[in-house]
N, C-alpha and C. Protein backbone atom coordinates (compact mmCIF):
# COMPACT_ATOMS: atom_id res chain seq x y z
N MET A 1 39.17 -74.92 23.98
CA MET A 1 39.64 -76.18 24.51
C MET A 1 41.15 -76.31 24.35
N LYS A 2 41.65 -75.87 23.18
CA LYS A 2 43.08 -75.93 22.91
C LYS A 2 43.86 -75.06 23.91
N LYS A 3 43.31 -73.86 24.21
CA LYS A 3 43.95 -72.97 25.16
C LYS A 3 43.96 -73.57 26.57
N LEU A 4 42.88 -74.23 26.95
CA LEU A 4 42.79 -74.86 28.26
C LEU A 4 43.82 -75.98 28.38
N ALA A 5 43.97 -76.79 27.35
CA ALA A 5 44.95 -77.88 27.36
C ALA A 5 46.37 -77.31 27.45
N LEU A 6 46.65 -76.24 26.70
CA LEU A 6 47.97 -75.62 26.74
C LEU A 6 48.26 -75.05 28.13
N PHE A 7 47.25 -74.44 28.73
CA PHE A 7 47.39 -73.89 30.08
C PHE A 7 47.68 -75.01 31.08
N ALA A 8 46.95 -76.12 30.99
CA ALA A 8 47.14 -77.24 31.91
C ALA A 8 48.54 -77.83 31.77
N ILE A 9 49.00 -77.99 30.54
CA ILE A 9 50.34 -78.54 30.31
C ILE A 9 51.40 -77.58 30.85
N SER A 10 51.23 -76.29 30.61
CA SER A 10 52.18 -75.29 31.10
C SER A 10 52.25 -75.31 32.62
N THR A 11 51.09 -75.39 33.28
CA THR A 11 51.04 -75.42 34.73
C THR A 11 51.76 -76.64 35.29
N LEU A 12 51.52 -77.80 34.68
CA LEU A 12 52.19 -79.03 35.13
C LEU A 12 53.70 -78.93 34.94
N MET A 13 54.14 -78.35 33.83
CA MET A 13 55.57 -78.22 33.58
C MET A 13 56.21 -77.29 34.61
N LEU A 14 55.55 -76.17 34.91
CA LEU A 14 56.08 -75.24 35.90
C LEU A 14 56.14 -75.89 37.28
N ALA A 15 55.12 -76.63 37.65
CA ALA A 15 55.10 -77.31 38.95
C ALA A 15 56.24 -78.33 39.02
N SER A 16 56.47 -79.03 37.93
CA SER A 16 57.54 -80.03 37.88
C SER A 16 58.90 -79.36 38.03
N LEU A 17 59.11 -78.26 37.29
CA LEU A 17 60.37 -77.53 37.39
C LEU A 17 60.59 -76.98 38.79
N SER A 18 59.51 -76.47 39.39
CA SER A 18 59.60 -75.91 40.73
C SER A 18 59.99 -76.98 41.74
N ALA A 19 59.38 -78.15 41.65
CA ALA A 19 59.69 -79.23 42.58
C ALA A 19 61.13 -79.70 42.39
N GLN A 20 61.60 -79.75 41.14
CA GLN A 20 62.95 -80.21 40.88
C GLN A 20 63.99 -79.22 41.39
N ALA A 21 63.67 -77.95 41.37
CA ALA A 21 64.64 -76.93 41.73
C ALA A 21 64.67 -76.62 43.22
N GLN A 22 63.79 -77.23 44.01
CA GLN A 22 63.70 -76.92 45.43
C GLN A 22 64.94 -77.37 46.18
N ASN A 23 65.43 -76.50 47.04
CA ASN A 23 66.56 -76.83 47.90
C ASN A 23 66.10 -76.77 49.35
N VAL A 24 66.70 -77.61 50.18
CA VAL A 24 66.38 -77.62 51.60
C VAL A 24 67.68 -77.61 52.40
N ARG A 25 67.63 -76.99 53.56
CA ARG A 25 68.76 -77.02 54.48
C ARG A 25 68.52 -78.21 55.41
N VAL A 26 69.54 -79.01 55.59
CA VAL A 26 69.43 -80.17 56.46
C VAL A 26 70.46 -80.04 57.58
N ARG A 27 69.96 -80.06 58.81
CA ARG A 27 70.80 -80.07 59.99
C ARG A 27 70.39 -81.30 60.79
N GLY A 28 71.36 -82.05 61.26
CA GLY A 28 71.00 -83.22 62.03
C GLY A 28 72.19 -84.02 62.49
N THR A 29 71.90 -85.22 62.99
CA THR A 29 72.91 -86.11 63.54
C THR A 29 73.01 -87.34 62.66
N ILE A 30 74.24 -87.73 62.35
CA ILE A 30 74.47 -88.88 61.47
C ILE A 30 74.05 -90.16 62.18
N SER A 31 73.26 -90.97 61.46
CA SER A 31 72.89 -92.31 61.93
C SER A 31 73.82 -93.34 61.33
N SER A 32 74.13 -93.17 60.02
CA SER A 32 75.03 -94.12 59.34
C SER A 32 75.44 -93.57 57.98
N LEU A 33 76.48 -94.19 57.44
CA LEU A 33 76.92 -93.93 56.07
C LEU A 33 77.03 -95.28 55.39
N ASP A 34 76.29 -95.45 54.29
CA ASP A 34 76.32 -96.70 53.54
C ASP A 34 76.58 -96.34 52.08
N GLY A 35 77.85 -96.45 51.66
CA GLY A 35 78.20 -96.06 50.30
C GLY A 35 78.02 -94.58 50.11
N ASP A 36 77.12 -94.20 49.18
CA ASP A 36 76.84 -92.79 48.91
C ASP A 36 75.59 -92.29 49.64
N VAL A 37 75.05 -93.08 50.56
CA VAL A 37 73.83 -92.68 51.29
C VAL A 37 74.18 -92.37 52.74
N LEU A 38 73.97 -91.12 53.10
CA LEU A 38 74.20 -90.64 54.46
C LEU A 38 72.85 -90.56 55.16
N SER A 39 72.65 -91.38 56.19
CA SER A 39 71.40 -91.37 56.95
C SER A 39 71.56 -90.42 58.13
N VAL A 40 70.56 -89.54 58.29
CA VAL A 40 70.62 -88.47 59.29
C VAL A 40 69.28 -88.37 59.99
N LYS A 41 69.30 -88.10 61.28
CA LYS A 41 68.08 -87.72 62.00
C LYS A 41 68.13 -86.21 62.09
N SER A 42 67.18 -85.55 61.42
CA SER A 42 67.17 -84.09 61.37
C SER A 42 66.90 -83.52 62.76
N ARG A 43 67.20 -82.24 62.94
CA ARG A 43 66.96 -81.63 64.24
C ARG A 43 65.46 -81.59 64.57
N GLU A 44 64.62 -81.78 63.53
CA GLU A 44 63.18 -81.86 63.75
C GLU A 44 62.73 -83.28 64.08
N GLY A 45 63.70 -84.23 64.10
CA GLY A 45 63.39 -85.61 64.45
C GLY A 45 63.03 -86.51 63.28
N LYS A 46 63.19 -86.01 62.07
CA LYS A 46 62.84 -86.78 60.87
C LYS A 46 64.05 -87.59 60.40
N ASP A 47 63.82 -88.89 60.08
CA ASP A 47 64.88 -89.71 59.50
C ASP A 47 64.98 -89.38 58.02
N MET A 48 66.21 -89.03 57.58
CA MET A 48 66.42 -88.63 56.19
C MET A 48 67.59 -89.39 55.61
N LYS A 49 67.51 -89.65 54.32
CA LYS A 49 68.61 -90.27 53.59
C LYS A 49 69.09 -89.26 52.55
N LEU A 50 70.37 -88.89 52.67
CA LEU A 50 70.97 -87.94 51.75
C LEU A 50 71.82 -88.70 50.75
N GLN A 51 71.60 -88.46 49.48
CA GLN A 51 72.40 -89.08 48.42
C GLN A 51 73.60 -88.17 48.15
N LEU A 52 74.79 -88.67 48.51
CA LEU A 52 76.01 -87.90 48.27
C LEU A 52 76.42 -88.04 46.81
N ALA A 53 76.79 -86.94 46.20
CA ALA A 53 77.36 -87.01 44.85
C ALA A 53 78.65 -87.81 44.96
N PRO A 54 79.04 -88.52 43.89
CA PRO A 54 80.28 -89.30 43.96
C PRO A 54 81.50 -88.45 44.35
N ASP A 55 81.48 -87.17 43.96
CA ASP A 55 82.60 -86.28 44.29
C ASP A 55 82.22 -85.28 45.39
N ALA A 56 81.26 -85.65 46.24
CA ALA A 56 80.80 -84.74 47.30
C ALA A 56 81.97 -84.30 48.18
N GLN A 57 81.97 -83.00 48.50
CA GLN A 57 83.00 -82.42 49.35
C GLN A 57 82.57 -82.58 50.81
N VAL A 58 83.50 -82.99 51.66
CA VAL A 58 83.27 -83.07 53.09
C VAL A 58 84.23 -82.10 53.75
N VAL A 59 83.69 -81.24 54.63
CA VAL A 59 84.54 -80.31 55.38
C VAL A 59 84.20 -80.43 56.85
N THR A 60 85.21 -80.24 57.70
CA THR A 60 84.99 -80.25 59.14
C THR A 60 85.06 -78.82 59.65
N THR A 61 84.45 -78.61 60.80
CA THR A 61 84.33 -77.29 61.39
C THR A 61 85.45 -77.05 62.39
N LYS A 62 85.99 -75.84 62.37
CA LYS A 62 87.09 -75.48 63.28
C LYS A 62 86.82 -74.08 63.83
N LYS A 63 86.88 -73.93 65.16
CA LYS A 63 86.77 -72.59 65.76
C LYS A 63 88.08 -71.85 65.55
N VAL A 64 87.97 -70.57 65.22
CA VAL A 64 89.15 -69.73 64.99
C VAL A 64 88.94 -68.39 65.71
N SER A 65 89.91 -67.50 65.59
CA SER A 65 89.78 -66.19 66.21
C SER A 65 89.33 -65.16 65.17
N ALA A 66 88.91 -64.01 65.66
CA ALA A 66 88.48 -62.92 64.79
C ALA A 66 89.61 -62.46 63.87
N ASP A 67 90.84 -62.67 64.29
CA ASP A 67 92.00 -62.23 63.50
C ASP A 67 92.07 -62.88 62.12
N GLU A 68 91.38 -64.01 61.93
CA GLU A 68 91.40 -64.68 60.63
C GLU A 68 90.58 -63.94 59.57
N PHE A 69 89.77 -62.98 60.01
CA PHE A 69 88.87 -62.28 59.09
C PHE A 69 89.29 -60.83 58.97
N LYS A 70 89.53 -60.41 57.74
CA LYS A 70 90.03 -59.06 57.43
C LYS A 70 89.16 -58.46 56.32
N PRO A 71 89.30 -57.17 56.05
CA PRO A 71 88.62 -56.61 54.88
C PRO A 71 89.02 -57.42 53.63
N GLY A 72 88.01 -57.76 52.84
CA GLY A 72 88.22 -58.59 51.66
C GLY A 72 87.81 -60.03 51.88
N SER A 73 87.69 -60.46 53.15
CA SER A 73 87.26 -61.83 53.44
C SER A 73 85.79 -61.99 53.04
N TYR A 74 85.48 -63.14 52.43
CA TYR A 74 84.10 -63.47 52.09
C TYR A 74 83.55 -64.34 53.21
N VAL A 75 82.51 -63.85 53.89
CA VAL A 75 82.02 -64.49 55.10
C VAL A 75 80.51 -64.66 55.09
N GLY A 76 80.07 -65.57 55.96
CA GLY A 76 78.65 -65.70 56.31
C GLY A 76 78.52 -65.23 57.74
N VAL A 77 77.59 -64.33 58.01
CA VAL A 77 77.39 -63.81 59.37
C VAL A 77 75.96 -64.10 59.79
N THR A 78 75.83 -64.88 60.86
CA THR A 78 74.51 -65.12 61.47
C THR A 78 74.35 -64.07 62.54
N SER A 79 73.28 -63.27 62.44
CA SER A 79 73.09 -62.16 63.39
C SER A 79 71.65 -62.11 63.88
N VAL A 80 71.47 -61.43 65.00
CA VAL A 80 70.14 -61.17 65.55
C VAL A 80 70.08 -59.69 65.91
N LYS A 81 68.87 -59.17 66.03
CA LYS A 81 68.73 -57.77 66.41
C LYS A 81 69.00 -57.62 67.90
N GLY A 82 69.82 -56.62 68.22
CA GLY A 82 70.09 -56.30 69.62
C GLY A 82 68.97 -55.44 70.18
N PRO A 83 69.04 -55.08 71.46
CA PRO A 83 67.99 -54.27 72.09
C PRO A 83 67.77 -52.92 71.40
N ASP A 84 68.83 -52.39 70.77
CA ASP A 84 68.71 -51.10 70.09
C ASP A 84 68.28 -51.24 68.63
N GLY A 85 68.02 -52.49 68.18
CA GLY A 85 67.58 -52.71 66.81
C GLY A 85 68.71 -52.98 65.83
N ASN A 86 69.96 -52.78 66.27
CA ASN A 86 71.11 -53.05 65.39
C ASN A 86 71.40 -54.54 65.36
N LEU A 87 71.92 -55.02 64.22
CA LEU A 87 72.29 -56.43 64.10
C LEU A 87 73.57 -56.70 64.87
N VAL A 88 73.55 -57.82 65.62
CA VAL A 88 74.70 -58.26 66.40
C VAL A 88 75.06 -59.67 65.95
N ALA A 89 76.30 -59.88 65.57
CA ALA A 89 76.74 -61.18 65.06
C ALA A 89 76.81 -62.20 66.18
N LYS A 90 76.22 -63.36 65.94
CA LYS A 90 76.37 -64.50 66.84
C LYS A 90 77.51 -65.38 66.34
N ARG A 91 77.59 -65.53 64.99
CA ARG A 91 78.60 -66.38 64.38
C ARG A 91 79.10 -65.74 63.09
N VAL A 92 80.40 -65.87 62.85
CA VAL A 92 81.01 -65.45 61.60
C VAL A 92 81.78 -66.65 61.08
N HIS A 93 81.53 -67.02 59.82
CA HIS A 93 82.28 -68.15 59.27
C HIS A 93 82.73 -67.85 57.84
N ALA A 94 83.84 -68.47 57.48
CA ALA A 94 84.40 -68.31 56.13
C ALA A 94 83.45 -68.93 55.12
N LEU A 95 83.44 -68.37 53.91
CA LEU A 95 82.65 -68.92 52.81
C LEU A 95 83.53 -69.10 51.59
N GLY A 96 83.19 -70.08 50.79
CA GLY A 96 83.85 -70.25 49.50
C GLY A 96 83.18 -69.37 48.46
N PRO A 97 83.85 -69.10 47.36
CA PRO A 97 83.31 -68.20 46.34
C PRO A 97 82.04 -68.73 45.67
N GLN A 98 81.76 -70.04 45.77
CA GLN A 98 80.58 -70.61 45.13
C GLN A 98 79.29 -70.32 45.90
N VAL A 99 79.40 -69.85 47.14
CA VAL A 99 78.22 -69.58 47.96
C VAL A 99 77.62 -68.25 47.53
N PRO A 100 76.32 -68.23 47.19
CA PRO A 100 75.72 -66.97 46.71
C PRO A 100 75.65 -65.89 47.78
N GLN A 101 75.78 -64.66 47.33
CA GLN A 101 75.62 -63.51 48.21
C GLN A 101 74.16 -63.42 48.62
N MET A 102 73.93 -62.96 49.85
CA MET A 102 72.55 -62.79 50.32
C MET A 102 72.53 -61.99 51.61
N HIS A 103 71.37 -61.48 51.91
CA HIS A 103 71.05 -60.93 53.23
C HIS A 103 69.58 -61.23 53.43
N GLY A 104 69.28 -62.15 54.35
CA GLY A 104 67.88 -62.51 54.55
C GLY A 104 67.68 -63.37 55.78
N ALA A 105 66.42 -63.71 56.02
CA ALA A 105 66.05 -64.52 57.18
C ALA A 105 66.78 -65.85 57.14
N TRP A 106 67.15 -66.35 58.32
CA TRP A 106 67.90 -67.60 58.44
C TRP A 106 67.29 -68.43 59.55
N ASP A 107 67.44 -69.73 59.46
CA ASP A 107 66.81 -70.62 60.42
C ASP A 107 67.81 -71.34 61.34
N GLY A 108 69.06 -70.92 61.34
CA GLY A 108 70.06 -71.56 62.20
C GLY A 108 69.86 -71.21 63.67
N ILE A 109 69.45 -69.99 63.92
CA ILE A 109 69.15 -69.49 65.27
C ILE A 109 67.79 -68.80 65.14
N PRO A 110 66.89 -68.95 66.13
CA PRO A 110 65.59 -68.28 66.02
C PRO A 110 65.74 -66.77 65.78
N ASN A 111 64.90 -66.26 64.89
CA ASN A 111 64.84 -64.82 64.57
C ASN A 111 66.17 -64.26 64.07
N SER A 112 66.91 -65.06 63.34
CA SER A 112 68.22 -64.60 62.88
C SER A 112 68.21 -64.24 61.40
N MET A 113 69.28 -63.57 61.01
CA MET A 113 69.52 -63.18 59.63
C MET A 113 70.85 -63.81 59.21
N MET A 114 70.99 -64.08 57.91
CA MET A 114 72.27 -64.53 57.35
C MET A 114 72.68 -63.50 56.33
N THR A 115 73.92 -63.08 56.42
CA THR A 115 74.50 -62.15 55.46
C THR A 115 75.75 -62.80 54.88
N ASN A 116 75.71 -63.10 53.59
CA ASN A 116 76.88 -63.64 52.88
C ASN A 116 77.46 -62.50 52.06
N SER A 117 78.61 -62.01 52.48
CA SER A 117 79.18 -60.80 51.88
C SER A 117 80.68 -60.72 52.08
N ASN A 118 81.27 -59.78 51.37
CA ASN A 118 82.66 -59.43 51.61
C ASN A 118 82.72 -58.41 52.74
N ILE A 119 83.70 -58.57 53.62
CA ILE A 119 83.95 -57.54 54.64
C ILE A 119 84.64 -56.39 53.93
N THR A 120 84.03 -55.20 53.97
CA THR A 120 84.67 -54.05 53.35
C THR A 120 85.43 -53.19 54.36
N SER A 121 84.99 -53.23 55.64
CA SER A 121 85.76 -52.53 56.67
C SER A 121 85.41 -53.10 58.05
N ILE A 122 86.34 -52.88 58.98
CA ILE A 122 86.15 -53.26 60.38
C ILE A 122 86.56 -52.04 61.20
N THR A 123 85.61 -51.51 61.98
CA THR A 123 85.90 -50.33 62.79
C THR A 123 85.53 -50.59 64.25
N LYS A 124 86.22 -49.92 65.16
CA LYS A 124 85.95 -50.05 66.59
C LYS A 124 84.57 -49.45 66.88
N ALA A 125 83.78 -50.16 67.67
CA ALA A 125 82.45 -49.68 68.05
C ALA A 125 82.15 -50.13 69.48
N GLY A 126 82.20 -49.22 70.42
CA GLY A 126 81.94 -49.56 71.82
C GLY A 126 82.94 -50.59 72.31
N SER A 127 82.44 -51.69 72.88
CA SER A 127 83.33 -52.73 73.40
C SER A 127 83.63 -53.81 72.36
N GLY A 128 83.19 -53.58 71.12
CA GLY A 128 83.44 -54.55 70.06
C GLY A 128 83.88 -53.86 68.79
N ASN A 129 83.50 -54.45 67.67
CA ASN A 129 83.80 -53.88 66.36
C ASN A 129 82.54 -53.90 65.51
N GLU A 130 82.55 -53.07 64.49
CA GLU A 130 81.46 -53.06 63.52
C GLU A 130 82.01 -53.54 62.19
N LEU A 131 81.39 -54.59 61.65
CA LEU A 131 81.74 -55.07 60.32
C LEU A 131 80.86 -54.36 59.32
N THR A 132 81.45 -53.83 58.27
CA THR A 132 80.67 -53.33 57.15
C THR A 132 80.79 -54.40 56.07
N LEU A 133 79.63 -54.91 55.66
CA LEU A 133 79.55 -56.00 54.69
C LEU A 133 78.85 -55.50 53.45
N THR A 134 79.41 -55.76 52.28
CA THR A 134 78.82 -55.29 51.03
C THR A 134 78.60 -56.46 50.10
N ASN A 135 77.39 -56.53 49.54
CA ASN A 135 77.08 -57.54 48.54
C ASN A 135 76.06 -56.98 47.57
N LYS A 136 75.52 -57.84 46.70
CA LYS A 136 74.58 -57.41 45.67
C LYS A 136 73.32 -56.78 46.25
N ASP A 137 72.99 -57.09 47.52
CA ASP A 137 71.79 -56.54 48.16
C ASP A 137 72.05 -55.21 48.85
N GLY A 138 73.31 -54.75 48.83
CA GLY A 138 73.63 -53.47 49.46
C GLY A 138 74.66 -53.64 50.56
N GLU A 139 74.59 -52.75 51.54
CA GLU A 139 75.57 -52.71 52.63
C GLU A 139 74.86 -53.00 53.95
N GLN A 140 75.51 -53.79 54.79
CA GLN A 140 75.00 -54.09 56.13
C GLN A 140 76.09 -53.76 57.13
N LYS A 141 75.69 -53.20 58.26
CA LYS A 141 76.62 -52.95 59.35
C LYS A 141 76.19 -53.87 60.50
N ILE A 142 77.13 -54.71 60.94
CA ILE A 142 76.82 -55.71 61.97
C ILE A 142 77.88 -55.64 63.05
N LEU A 143 77.42 -55.55 64.30
CA LEU A 143 78.33 -55.48 65.44
C LEU A 143 78.84 -56.87 65.80
N VAL A 144 80.11 -56.97 66.15
CA VAL A 144 80.67 -58.19 66.70
C VAL A 144 81.16 -57.85 68.11
N ASP A 145 80.95 -58.78 69.04
CA ASP A 145 81.34 -58.52 70.42
C ASP A 145 82.04 -59.74 71.00
N ALA A 146 82.24 -59.73 72.30
CA ALA A 146 82.97 -60.82 72.97
C ALA A 146 82.25 -62.15 72.85
N ASP A 147 80.94 -62.14 72.60
CA ASP A 147 80.17 -63.39 72.48
C ASP A 147 80.13 -63.95 71.06
N THR A 148 80.62 -63.20 70.08
CA THR A 148 80.60 -63.67 68.69
C THR A 148 81.59 -64.82 68.54
N GLU A 149 81.13 -65.88 67.86
CA GLU A 149 81.98 -67.05 67.59
C GLU A 149 82.45 -67.00 66.14
N TYR A 150 83.67 -67.48 65.92
CA TYR A 150 84.28 -67.45 64.59
C TYR A 150 84.67 -68.87 64.16
N TYR A 151 84.41 -69.18 62.89
CA TYR A 151 84.65 -70.53 62.37
C TYR A 151 85.31 -70.50 61.00
N ASN A 152 86.07 -71.54 60.75
CA ASN A 152 86.59 -71.80 59.42
C ASN A 152 86.35 -73.28 59.15
N PHE A 153 86.68 -73.74 57.96
CA PHE A 153 86.44 -75.12 57.59
C PHE A 153 87.73 -75.75 57.10
N VAL A 154 87.88 -77.03 57.38
CA VAL A 154 89.07 -77.79 57.02
C VAL A 154 88.62 -78.93 56.11
N PRO A 155 89.34 -79.17 55.02
CA PRO A 155 88.95 -80.30 54.16
C PRO A 155 88.91 -81.60 54.97
N GLY A 156 87.84 -82.35 54.76
CA GLY A 156 87.68 -83.63 55.44
C GLY A 156 87.53 -84.74 54.41
N THR A 157 87.16 -85.90 54.90
CA THR A 157 86.91 -87.06 54.04
C THR A 157 85.63 -87.73 54.51
N ARG A 158 85.20 -88.72 53.77
CA ARG A 158 84.00 -89.46 54.19
C ARG A 158 84.23 -90.18 55.52
N ALA A 159 85.48 -90.42 55.87
CA ALA A 159 85.78 -91.04 57.17
C ALA A 159 85.32 -90.14 58.33
N ASP A 160 85.16 -88.83 58.08
CA ASP A 160 84.67 -87.90 59.11
C ASP A 160 83.16 -88.01 59.31
N LEU A 161 82.46 -88.67 58.42
CA LEU A 161 81.00 -88.80 58.51
C LEU A 161 80.66 -89.98 59.41
N LYS A 162 80.90 -89.80 60.70
CA LYS A 162 80.74 -90.86 61.70
C LYS A 162 79.40 -90.73 62.42
N LYS A 163 78.88 -91.89 62.83
CA LYS A 163 77.65 -91.92 63.61
C LYS A 163 77.79 -91.01 64.82
N GLY A 164 76.76 -90.18 65.05
CA GLY A 164 76.74 -89.28 66.19
C GLY A 164 77.25 -87.88 65.90
N GLU A 165 77.96 -87.70 64.78
CA GLU A 165 78.44 -86.35 64.44
C GLU A 165 77.27 -85.53 63.89
N THR A 166 77.39 -84.21 63.98
CA THR A 166 76.35 -83.29 63.51
C THR A 166 76.74 -82.76 62.14
N ILE A 167 75.73 -82.64 61.25
CA ILE A 167 76.01 -82.14 59.90
C ILE A 167 75.11 -80.96 59.54
N PHE A 168 75.56 -80.23 58.54
CA PHE A 168 74.75 -79.23 57.84
C PHE A 168 75.01 -79.42 56.36
N THR A 169 73.95 -79.38 55.57
CA THR A 169 74.10 -79.41 54.12
C THR A 169 72.92 -78.72 53.47
N GLY A 170 73.15 -78.21 52.30
CA GLY A 170 72.07 -77.73 51.45
C GLY A 170 71.83 -78.83 50.43
N ALA A 171 70.64 -79.41 50.43
CA ALA A 171 70.35 -80.52 49.54
C ALA A 171 69.32 -80.11 48.50
N ARG A 172 69.48 -80.66 47.31
CA ARG A 172 68.51 -80.43 46.23
C ARG A 172 67.52 -81.56 46.25
N VAL A 173 66.24 -81.21 46.26
CA VAL A 173 65.17 -82.21 46.25
C VAL A 173 64.94 -82.64 44.81
N ASP A 174 65.03 -83.94 44.59
CA ASP A 174 64.77 -84.52 43.27
C ASP A 174 63.82 -85.69 43.47
N GLY A 175 62.52 -85.43 43.29
CA GLY A 175 61.51 -86.45 43.58
C GLY A 175 61.51 -86.72 45.08
N ASP A 176 61.80 -87.97 45.47
CA ASP A 176 61.84 -88.31 46.89
C ASP A 176 63.28 -88.42 47.40
N LYS A 177 64.24 -87.92 46.62
CA LYS A 177 65.65 -87.98 47.02
C LYS A 177 66.16 -86.60 47.41
N PHE A 178 67.14 -86.61 48.31
CA PHE A 178 67.84 -85.40 48.71
C PHE A 178 69.28 -85.55 48.24
N LEU A 179 69.67 -84.76 47.26
CA LEU A 179 71.00 -84.86 46.66
C LEU A 179 71.89 -83.75 47.20
N THR A 180 73.13 -84.10 47.55
CA THR A 180 74.02 -83.07 48.08
C THR A 180 75.43 -83.19 47.52
N GLN A 181 76.06 -82.03 47.35
CA GLN A 181 77.42 -81.91 46.82
C GLN A 181 78.45 -81.63 47.91
N ARG A 182 77.96 -81.13 49.08
CA ARG A 182 78.88 -80.73 50.15
C ARG A 182 78.22 -80.95 51.50
N VAL A 183 78.99 -81.50 52.44
CA VAL A 183 78.50 -81.73 53.80
C VAL A 183 79.50 -81.12 54.77
N THR A 184 79.00 -80.30 55.68
CA THR A 184 79.82 -79.77 56.77
C THR A 184 79.54 -80.62 57.99
N VAL A 185 80.59 -81.13 58.63
CA VAL A 185 80.41 -82.07 59.74
C VAL A 185 81.19 -81.58 60.96
N SER A 186 80.64 -81.86 62.13
CA SER A 186 81.31 -81.50 63.38
C SER A 186 82.59 -82.32 63.56
N LYS A 187 83.51 -81.77 64.32
CA LYS A 187 84.74 -82.49 64.64
C LYS A 187 85.25 -81.96 65.99
N ASP A 188 85.67 -82.87 66.82
CA ASP A 188 86.21 -82.52 68.15
C ASP A 188 85.24 -81.63 68.93
N GLY A 189 83.94 -81.90 68.77
CA GLY A 189 82.91 -81.17 69.51
C GLY A 189 82.54 -79.81 68.93
N VAL A 190 83.15 -79.41 67.82
CA VAL A 190 82.84 -78.11 67.20
C VAL A 190 81.77 -78.35 66.14
N LEU A 191 80.57 -77.81 66.38
CA LEU A 191 79.42 -78.02 65.50
C LEU A 191 79.46 -77.08 64.30
N PRO A 192 78.86 -77.48 63.16
CA PRO A 192 78.76 -76.55 62.03
C PRO A 192 78.04 -75.27 62.44
N PRO A 193 78.56 -74.11 62.05
CA PRO A 193 77.96 -72.84 62.48
C PRO A 193 76.70 -72.45 61.73
N GLN A 194 76.44 -73.10 60.59
CA GLN A 194 75.30 -72.68 59.80
C GLN A 194 74.03 -73.12 60.51
């Protein structure tokens, strides 16, 4: 009986920790900002209230050229498989050092991958270039072509969180609240690339 009680308590504690540690990606359109609460209609049509940290960072999105990215740049690359099976970049955007390295499935574009890595080399490949990206998961080679879009971010303020603008954020689920430290918001028609 004692073992069963210990098992039940352990299971409940693990479930609680798991729920507290869950993160979600939120993409949507701003409905309103009221103090520290950002109301958003998600791209799935769900009304959500995001609790902004008092010191939450707001950044706006800016389109840039490929020239802004060199070997040593830390980037996020959204890619899809081309007809030959090789990854082709749809979007390349700058990342801050706090963003974890990864290479895995992504939900920004159907059937896409996200690679957060340092660019280790850029070489000519056909009518485009090939980025060699290296991170803790290994090395990825991703083609960039004339259709690849490039983005950087500019510091913004809460004044940029206007009704009708599009946002992206990674929020931590805490009970029935969505807590966020950083919001990327559209500006001048340029949508967040994530």
